[in-house]
N, C-alpha and C. Protein backbone atom coordinates (compact mmCIF):
# COMPACT_ATOMS: atom_id res chain seq x y z
N MET A 1 132.64 -62.30 241.51
CA MET A 1 131.51 -61.76 241.81
C MET A 1 130.84 -61.03 240.80
N SER A 2 129.49 -61.34 240.46
CA SER A 2 128.80 -61.13 239.27
C SER A 2 128.04 -59.88 239.69
N ASP A 3 127.96 -59.40 240.79
CA ASP A 3 127.21 -58.19 241.27
C ASP A 3 127.79 -56.77 241.44
N SER A 4 129.31 -57.01 241.12
CA SER A 4 130.31 -55.97 241.42
C SER A 4 129.97 -54.61 240.50
N VAL A 5 130.55 -53.36 240.77
CA VAL A 5 130.27 -52.17 240.07
C VAL A 5 131.24 -52.71 239.12
N PRO A 6 131.16 -52.07 237.83
CA PRO A 6 132.51 -52.02 236.80
C PRO A 6 133.59 -51.38 237.36
N PRO A 7 134.77 -51.39 236.99
CA PRO A 7 135.81 -50.49 237.12
C PRO A 7 135.40 -49.08 236.59
N LEU A 8 136.05 -48.11 237.31
CA LEU A 8 135.82 -46.63 236.79
C LEU A 8 136.14 -46.74 235.47
N SER A 9 137.36 -47.14 235.05
CA SER A 9 137.93 -47.03 233.80
C SER A 9 137.00 -47.44 232.77
N ALA A 10 136.00 -48.45 233.09
CA ALA A 10 134.97 -48.80 232.11
C ALA A 10 133.97 -47.86 231.84
N MET A 11 133.62 -46.85 233.14
CA MET A 11 132.56 -45.82 233.21
C MET A 11 132.84 -44.59 232.81
N ASP A 12 134.51 -44.28 232.50
CA ASP A 12 135.04 -43.42 232.19
C ASP A 12 134.97 -42.72 230.80
N GLU A 13 134.07 -43.31 230.05
CA GLU A 13 134.15 -42.88 228.66
C GLU A 13 133.13 -41.88 228.43
N THR A 14 133.60 -40.76 227.71
CA THR A 14 132.82 -39.41 227.50
C THR A 14 131.92 -39.73 226.37
N HIS A 15 130.64 -38.98 225.86
CA HIS A 15 130.05 -39.18 225.00
C HIS A 15 129.79 -37.69 224.63
N SER A 16 130.40 -37.15 223.48
CA SER A 16 129.93 -35.85 223.04
C SER A 16 128.68 -35.72 222.09
N ILE A 17 127.80 -34.98 222.11
CA ILE A 17 126.62 -34.93 221.15
C ILE A 17 127.07 -33.61 220.00
N SER A 18 127.19 -34.17 218.82
CA SER A 18 127.37 -33.41 217.67
C SER A 18 126.17 -32.36 217.53
N PRO A 19 126.39 -30.97 217.05
CA PRO A 19 125.16 -30.30 216.75
C PRO A 19 124.30 -30.53 216.00
N GLU A 20 124.70 -31.46 215.00
CA GLU A 20 123.50 -31.46 214.03
C GLU A 20 122.35 -32.80 214.60
N LYS A 21 122.97 -33.30 215.69
CA LYS A 21 122.23 -34.48 216.77
C LYS A 21 121.14 -33.83 217.58
N ILE A 22 121.38 -32.48 217.71
CA ILE A 22 120.53 -31.89 218.79
C ILE A 22 119.19 -31.40 218.03
N VAL A 23 118.16 -31.86 218.78
CA VAL A 23 116.67 -31.24 218.09
C VAL A 23 116.78 -29.63 217.93
N GLU A 24 116.24 -29.56 217.02
CA GLU A 24 116.10 -28.03 216.52
C GLU A 24 114.51 -27.96 217.25
N SER A 25 114.43 -26.57 217.69
CA SER A 25 113.69 -25.89 218.24
C SER A 25 112.67 -24.84 217.49
N ASN A 26 111.60 -24.82 217.16
CA ASN A 26 111.47 -23.98 216.45
C ASN A 26 110.26 -22.90 217.23
N LEU A 27 111.02 -22.23 218.02
CA LEU A 27 110.16 -21.20 219.02
C LEU A 27 109.94 -19.90 218.33
N GLU A 28 109.02 -19.43 218.14
CA GLU A 28 108.67 -17.95 218.04
C GLU A 28 108.24 -17.09 219.12
N ILE A 29 109.07 -16.10 219.07
CA ILE A 29 109.28 -15.34 220.19
C ILE A 29 108.42 -13.76 219.82
N HIS A 30 107.41 -13.28 220.43
CA HIS A 30 106.62 -12.11 219.95
C HIS A 30 106.69 -11.12 221.10
N LYS A 31 106.85 -10.19 221.20
CA LYS A 31 106.66 -8.88 222.59
C LYS A 31 105.89 -8.10 221.78
N TYR A 32 104.73 -7.66 222.75
CA TYR A 32 103.94 -6.53 222.27
C TYR A 32 103.68 -5.52 223.92
N CYS A 33 103.39 -4.27 223.22
CA CYS A 33 103.14 -3.29 224.65
C CYS A 33 101.94 -2.52 223.88
N VAL A 34 101.03 -2.67 225.14
CA VAL A 34 99.62 -1.98 224.88
C VAL A 34 99.23 -1.16 225.71
N GLU A 35 99.16 0.24 225.48
CA GLU A 35 98.71 1.15 226.96
C GLU A 35 97.25 0.98 227.14
N TYR A 36 96.83 1.29 228.57
CA TYR A 36 95.66 0.81 229.41
C TYR A 36 95.22 2.48 229.52
N LEU A 37 94.22 2.72 228.96
CA LEU A 37 93.54 4.00 229.51
C LEU A 37 94.75 5.32 229.60
N ASN A 38 95.53 5.32 228.40
CA ASN A 38 96.64 6.35 227.97
C ASN A 38 97.63 6.15 229.26
N GLU A 39 97.66 5.59 230.23
CA GLU A 39 98.23 5.56 231.43
C GLU A 39 99.04 4.30 231.88
N GLU A 40 98.94 3.23 231.74
CA GLU A 40 99.77 2.41 232.01
C GLU A 40 99.80 1.47 231.13
N LYS A 41 101.48 1.10 230.90
CA LYS A 41 101.88 0.12 229.50
C LYS A 41 101.57 -1.33 230.08
N ILE A 42 100.94 -2.07 229.21
CA ILE A 42 101.02 -3.42 229.51
C ILE A 42 101.81 -4.07 228.56
N TYR A 43 103.03 -5.05 229.00
CA TYR A 43 103.79 -5.90 228.08
C TYR A 43 103.22 -7.48 228.27
N ILE A 44 103.35 -7.58 227.18
CA ILE A 44 102.68 -9.12 227.00
C ILE A 44 104.11 -9.88 225.98
N LEU A 45 104.35 -11.03 226.70
CA LEU A 45 105.38 -11.36 226.18
C LEU A 45 104.85 -12.87 225.62
N VAL A 46 105.09 -13.42 224.27
CA VAL A 46 104.49 -14.72 223.93
C VAL A 46 105.53 -15.22 223.25
N ILE A 47 105.63 -16.75 223.88
CA ILE A 47 106.72 -17.84 223.32
C ILE A 47 105.71 -19.02 222.81
N ILE A 48 106.00 -19.54 221.49
CA ILE A 48 105.06 -20.70 221.03
C ILE A 48 106.40 -21.40 220.34
N ASN A 49 105.67 -22.60 220.44
CA ASN A 49 106.85 -23.71 219.95
C ASN A 49 106.06 -24.52 219.11
N SER A 50 106.62 -25.76 218.63
CA SER A 50 105.86 -26.21 217.51
C SER A 50 105.26 -27.56 217.95
N THR A 51 105.12 -27.58 219.24
CA THR A 51 104.87 -29.04 219.65
C THR A 51 103.48 -28.52 220.70
N ASN A 52 102.71 -27.62 220.13
CA ASN A 52 101.57 -27.32 220.55
C ASN A 52 101.24 -26.92 222.02
N GLN A 53 102.33 -26.09 222.13
CA GLN A 53 102.33 -25.29 223.32
C GLN A 53 102.64 -23.90 223.36
N ALA A 54 102.03 -22.75 224.26
CA ALA A 54 102.60 -21.42 224.37
C ALA A 54 102.71 -21.15 225.58
N TRP A 55 103.41 -20.14 225.54
CA TRP A 55 103.54 -19.36 227.00
C TRP A 55 103.58 -18.03 226.98
N VAL A 56 102.88 -17.52 227.87
CA VAL A 56 102.43 -16.27 227.82
C VAL A 56 102.89 -15.40 229.05
N TRP A 57 103.52 -14.18 228.99
CA TRP A 57 103.94 -13.44 230.19
C TRP A 57 102.78 -12.15 230.05
N VAL A 58 102.24 -11.83 231.23
CA VAL A 58 101.78 -10.45 231.11
C VAL A 58 102.19 -9.55 232.21
N GLY A 59 102.80 -8.48 232.06
CA GLY A 59 102.92 -7.35 233.14
C GLY A 59 103.36 -6.19 233.05
N SER A 60 103.85 -5.65 233.96
CA SER A 60 104.16 -3.93 233.49
C SER A 60 105.79 -4.08 233.83
N GLN A 61 105.97 -2.76 233.19
CA GLN A 61 107.67 -2.12 233.13
C GLN A 61 107.70 -1.81 234.65
N GLU A 62 106.89 -1.11 235.38
CA GLU A 62 106.85 -0.69 236.67
C GLU A 62 107.39 -1.81 237.61
N ALA A 63 106.66 -2.90 237.30
CA ALA A 63 106.96 -4.12 238.22
C ALA A 63 107.16 -5.48 237.76
N PRO A 64 108.05 -5.32 236.86
CA PRO A 64 108.35 -6.75 236.30
C PRO A 64 108.40 -8.01 237.18
N THR A 65 107.56 -8.55 237.49
CA THR A 65 107.29 -9.61 238.24
C THR A 65 106.92 -11.32 237.82
N PHE A 66 107.37 -12.15 238.35
CA PHE A 66 106.95 -13.45 237.91
C PHE A 66 106.23 -13.99 239.14
N LYS A 67 105.22 -13.85 239.64
CA LYS A 67 104.63 -14.25 241.09
C LYS A 67 103.55 -15.21 240.95
N TYR A 68 103.06 -15.65 239.58
CA TYR A 68 102.03 -16.43 239.26
C TYR A 68 102.28 -17.42 237.77
N LEU A 69 102.09 -18.58 238.02
CA LEU A 69 102.25 -19.17 236.99
C LEU A 69 101.29 -20.33 236.98
N SER A 70 100.49 -20.86 235.76
CA SER A 70 99.50 -21.71 236.07
C SER A 70 99.68 -22.69 234.28
N ILE A 71 99.32 -23.64 234.49
CA ILE A 71 99.35 -24.44 233.17
C ILE A 71 97.94 -25.16 233.13
N ALA A 72 97.54 -25.21 231.60
CA ALA A 72 96.19 -25.98 231.43
C ALA A 72 96.65 -26.37 230.05
N MET A 73 95.81 -27.42 230.15
CA MET A 73 95.87 -28.58 228.87
C MET A 73 94.81 -29.15 228.82
N GLN A 74 94.40 -29.96 227.59
CA GLN A 74 92.97 -30.71 227.31
C GLN A 74 93.51 -31.64 227.82
N SER A 75 91.94 -32.54 228.04
CA SER A 75 91.97 -33.83 228.43
C SER A 75 90.97 -34.88 227.72
N LYS A 76 91.39 -35.77 227.79
CA LYS A 76 90.37 -36.80 226.70
C LYS A 76 89.45 -37.10 227.74
N LEU A 77 89.22 -36.90 229.19
CA LEU A 77 88.49 -37.19 230.21
C LEU A 77 87.21 -36.15 230.51
N SER A 78 87.41 -34.84 229.69
CA SER A 78 86.49 -33.89 230.12
C SER A 78 86.77 -32.78 229.06
N PRO A 79 85.61 -32.19 228.91
CA PRO A 79 85.60 -31.11 227.90
C PRO A 79 86.09 -30.03 228.43
N THR A 80 86.52 -29.34 230.06
CA THR A 80 87.07 -28.58 230.03
C THR A 80 88.42 -28.83 230.45
N PRO A 81 89.35 -28.16 230.08
CA PRO A 81 91.04 -28.20 230.34
C PRO A 81 90.97 -28.32 232.01
N ILE A 82 92.20 -29.13 232.03
CA ILE A 82 92.91 -29.45 233.17
C ILE A 82 93.86 -28.11 233.65
N CYS A 83 93.78 -27.61 234.60
CA CYS A 83 94.41 -26.33 235.37
C CYS A 83 94.97 -26.52 236.41
N THR A 84 96.30 -26.17 236.56
CA THR A 84 96.88 -26.03 237.84
C THR A 84 97.80 -24.74 237.94
N SER A 85 97.76 -24.36 239.33
CA SER A 85 99.07 -23.16 239.64
C SER A 85 100.16 -23.86 240.27
N VAL A 86 101.10 -23.37 239.40
CA VAL A 86 102.64 -23.99 239.67
C VAL A 86 103.49 -22.99 240.62
N ILE A 87 103.22 -21.77 240.41
CA ILE A 87 103.70 -20.59 241.38
C ILE A 87 102.61 -19.71 241.57
N GLY A 88 102.49 -19.15 243.12
CA GLY A 88 101.55 -18.51 243.64
C GLY A 88 100.23 -19.19 243.58
N HIS A 89 99.37 -18.43 244.47
CA HIS A 89 97.64 -19.08 244.40
C HIS A 89 96.91 -17.73 244.56
N SER A 90 95.62 -18.19 244.67
CA SER A 90 94.74 -17.07 244.68
C SER A 90 94.11 -16.93 246.36
N SER A 91 93.41 -16.03 246.68
CA SER A 91 92.97 -15.92 247.91
C SER A 91 91.62 -16.96 247.73
N MET A 92 91.18 -17.17 248.83
CA MET A 92 89.80 -17.48 249.17
C MET A 92 89.54 -18.86 248.24
N GLY A 93 90.70 -19.66 247.78
CA GLY A 93 90.37 -20.60 247.15
C GLY A 93 89.74 -20.80 245.52
N LEU A 94 89.65 -19.57 245.10
CA LEU A 94 89.43 -19.20 243.56
C LEU A 94 90.38 -19.17 242.72
N PRO A 95 90.18 -19.81 241.72
CA PRO A 95 91.38 -19.86 240.69
C PRO A 95 91.99 -18.41 240.38
N SER A 96 93.55 -18.59 240.35
CA SER A 96 93.99 -17.27 240.04
C SER A 96 93.71 -16.94 238.82
N ILE A 97 94.46 -15.50 238.46
CA ILE A 97 93.90 -14.87 237.08
C ILE A 97 94.49 -15.55 236.01
N SER A 98 95.87 -15.89 236.42
CA SER A 98 96.55 -16.93 235.22
C SER A 98 96.16 -17.99 234.85
N SER A 99 95.46 -18.52 236.05
CA SER A 99 94.63 -20.01 235.75
C SER A 99 93.54 -19.88 234.76
N SER A 100 92.70 -18.65 235.23
CA SER A 100 91.35 -18.55 234.35
C SER A 100 91.90 -18.26 233.02
N ILE A 101 92.69 -17.52 232.57
CA ILE A 101 93.21 -16.93 231.44
C ILE A 101 93.84 -18.23 230.54
N ALA A 102 94.54 -18.98 231.26
CA ALA A 102 95.36 -20.29 230.62
C ALA A 102 94.37 -21.28 230.32
N GLU A 103 93.11 -21.56 231.01
CA GLU A 103 92.01 -22.44 230.77
C GLU A 103 91.41 -22.02 229.55
N ARG A 104 91.10 -20.55 229.35
CA ARG A 104 90.10 -20.44 228.21
C ARG A 104 90.95 -20.10 227.18
N LEU A 105 92.16 -19.99 227.22
CA LEU A 105 93.00 -20.01 225.91
C LEU A 105 93.25 -21.64 225.35
N THR A 106 93.41 -22.31 226.47
CA THR A 106 93.21 -23.88 226.12
C THR A 106 92.20 -24.23 225.49
N MET A 107 90.74 -23.82 226.19
CA MET A 107 89.81 -24.29 225.26
C MET A 107 89.67 -23.31 223.76
N LYS A 108 90.04 -22.29 223.49
CA LYS A 108 89.93 -21.54 222.41
C LYS A 108 90.86 -22.56 221.44
N PHE A 109 92.02 -22.46 221.79
CA PHE A 109 93.19 -22.73 220.74
C PHE A 109 93.76 -24.03 220.92
N LYS A 110 93.02 -25.19 221.81
CA LYS A 110 93.50 -26.41 222.07
C LYS A 110 94.70 -26.78 221.87
N ARG A 111 95.37 -25.99 222.83
CA ARG A 111 97.07 -26.22 223.25
C ARG A 111 97.16 -25.94 224.37
N VAL A 112 98.49 -26.39 224.82
CA VAL A 112 98.87 -26.60 226.05
C VAL A 112 99.39 -24.95 226.30
N PHE A 113 98.92 -24.12 227.51
CA PHE A 113 99.10 -22.99 227.70
C PHE A 113 99.84 -22.92 229.29
N ILE A 114 100.89 -22.26 229.35
CA ILE A 114 101.63 -21.53 230.39
C ILE A 114 101.40 -20.10 230.32
N VAL A 115 100.75 -19.65 231.58
CA VAL A 115 100.27 -18.36 231.83
C VAL A 115 100.99 -17.75 233.09
N SER A 116 101.60 -16.57 232.83
CA SER A 116 102.20 -15.89 234.16
C SER A 116 101.31 -14.44 233.99
N TYR A 117 100.39 -14.21 234.63
CA TYR A 117 99.81 -12.81 234.70
C TYR A 117 100.10 -12.29 235.84
N ASN A 118 100.76 -10.88 235.78
CA ASN A 118 101.50 -10.24 237.17
C ASN A 118 101.04 -8.80 236.88
N LEU A 119 99.89 -8.25 236.39
CA LEU A 119 99.49 -7.09 236.72
C LEU A 119 98.89 -6.98 238.03
N LYS A 120 98.62 -5.80 238.41
CA LYS A 120 97.89 -5.27 239.75
C LYS A 120 96.45 -5.72 239.41
N GLU A 121 95.69 -5.97 240.64
CA GLU A 121 94.19 -6.28 240.49
C GLU A 121 93.86 -4.89 240.97
N ASP A 122 92.79 -4.34 239.90
CA ASP A 122 91.81 -3.20 239.94
C ASP A 122 90.79 -3.94 240.66
N GLN A 123 90.09 -2.48 241.14
CA GLN A 123 88.56 -2.98 241.81
C GLN A 123 87.43 -3.56 240.83
N ASP A 124 87.45 -3.12 239.52
CA ASP A 124 86.27 -3.57 238.48
C ASP A 124 86.81 -4.57 237.61
N GLY A 125 88.02 -4.77 237.57
CA GLY A 125 88.50 -6.19 236.88
C GLY A 125 88.39 -5.50 235.35
N GLN A 126 88.73 -4.02 234.98
CA GLN A 126 88.76 -3.85 233.54
C GLN A 126 90.18 -4.09 232.94
N LEU A 127 91.29 -3.89 233.86
CA LEU A 127 92.56 -4.07 233.63
C LEU A 127 92.51 -5.62 233.27
N GLN A 128 92.22 -6.65 233.95
CA GLN A 128 92.42 -7.79 233.77
C GLN A 128 91.36 -8.16 232.34
N LEU A 129 90.42 -7.43 232.00
CA LEU A 129 89.42 -8.05 231.00
C LEU A 129 90.17 -7.39 229.41
N PHE A 130 91.22 -6.09 229.77
CA PHE A 130 91.55 -5.63 228.74
C PHE A 130 92.84 -6.20 228.33
N ALA A 131 93.52 -6.78 229.28
CA ALA A 131 94.83 -7.57 228.94
C ALA A 131 94.32 -9.04 228.36
N GLU A 132 93.31 -9.46 229.07
CA GLU A 132 92.87 -10.72 228.27
C GLU A 132 92.51 -10.64 226.99
N LYS A 133 91.61 -9.45 226.79
CA LYS A 133 91.08 -9.48 225.39
C LYS A 133 92.26 -9.09 224.22
N ASN A 134 93.56 -8.58 224.72
CA ASN A 134 94.55 -8.35 223.92
C ASN A 134 95.47 -9.67 223.85
N VAL A 135 95.57 -10.42 224.71
CA VAL A 135 96.04 -11.99 224.73
C VAL A 135 95.68 -12.81 223.55
N PHE A 136 93.94 -12.71 223.92
CA PHE A 136 93.40 -13.66 222.76
C PHE A 136 93.63 -12.93 221.45
N ASP A 137 93.39 -11.54 221.15
CA ASP A 137 93.60 -10.76 219.69
C ASP A 137 94.95 -11.31 219.46
N ILE A 138 95.85 -11.14 220.09
CA ILE A 138 97.56 -11.62 219.60
C ILE A 138 97.35 -13.10 219.09
N PHE A 139 96.78 -13.95 220.00
CA PHE A 139 96.81 -15.52 219.48
C PHE A 139 95.73 -15.80 218.40
N LYS A 140 94.68 -14.96 218.01
CA LYS A 140 94.13 -15.13 216.84
C LYS A 140 94.89 -14.96 215.72
N LYS A 141 95.64 -13.88 215.85
CA LYS A 141 96.50 -13.51 214.43
C LYS A 141 97.75 -14.52 214.53
N LEU A 142 98.24 -14.85 215.48
CA LEU A 142 99.38 -15.87 215.45
C LEU A 142 98.74 -17.33 215.17
N LEU A 143 97.81 -17.64 215.21
CA LEU A 143 97.53 -19.00 214.93
C LEU A 143 96.79 -19.42 214.20
N ASN A 144 96.07 -18.53 213.80
CA ASN A 144 94.93 -18.79 212.56
C ASN A 144 95.56 -18.40 211.04
């Protein structure tokens, strides 16, 4: 029978990976805390790796959540980045704040951005603008 499965003893070989064969990861981790109107602290965690990807989490200490996650990347077919929500969605079919920030970061810095924005929504959008400006300022310093 040529279609038979090899005996278990032939498949029972174990292979170990020695530490020098593991690919090194060049992760940079940066943590920031900025105050909004002297009352709320906004925490920004940035992780950058050497393969032109960056991960950003924006949230507060009072409610450290992970409700939203969006990914944006450049496309050869369009001048605007491709963006999708992986976790969470916005109401009324509008892009989530995470998606909007990820798309703008990708357009500016030409990287894949994974963004999780978890601050409460304010009526006039000033908190979002403040947080987004700080994220952009951080990346201008880190990537230039």
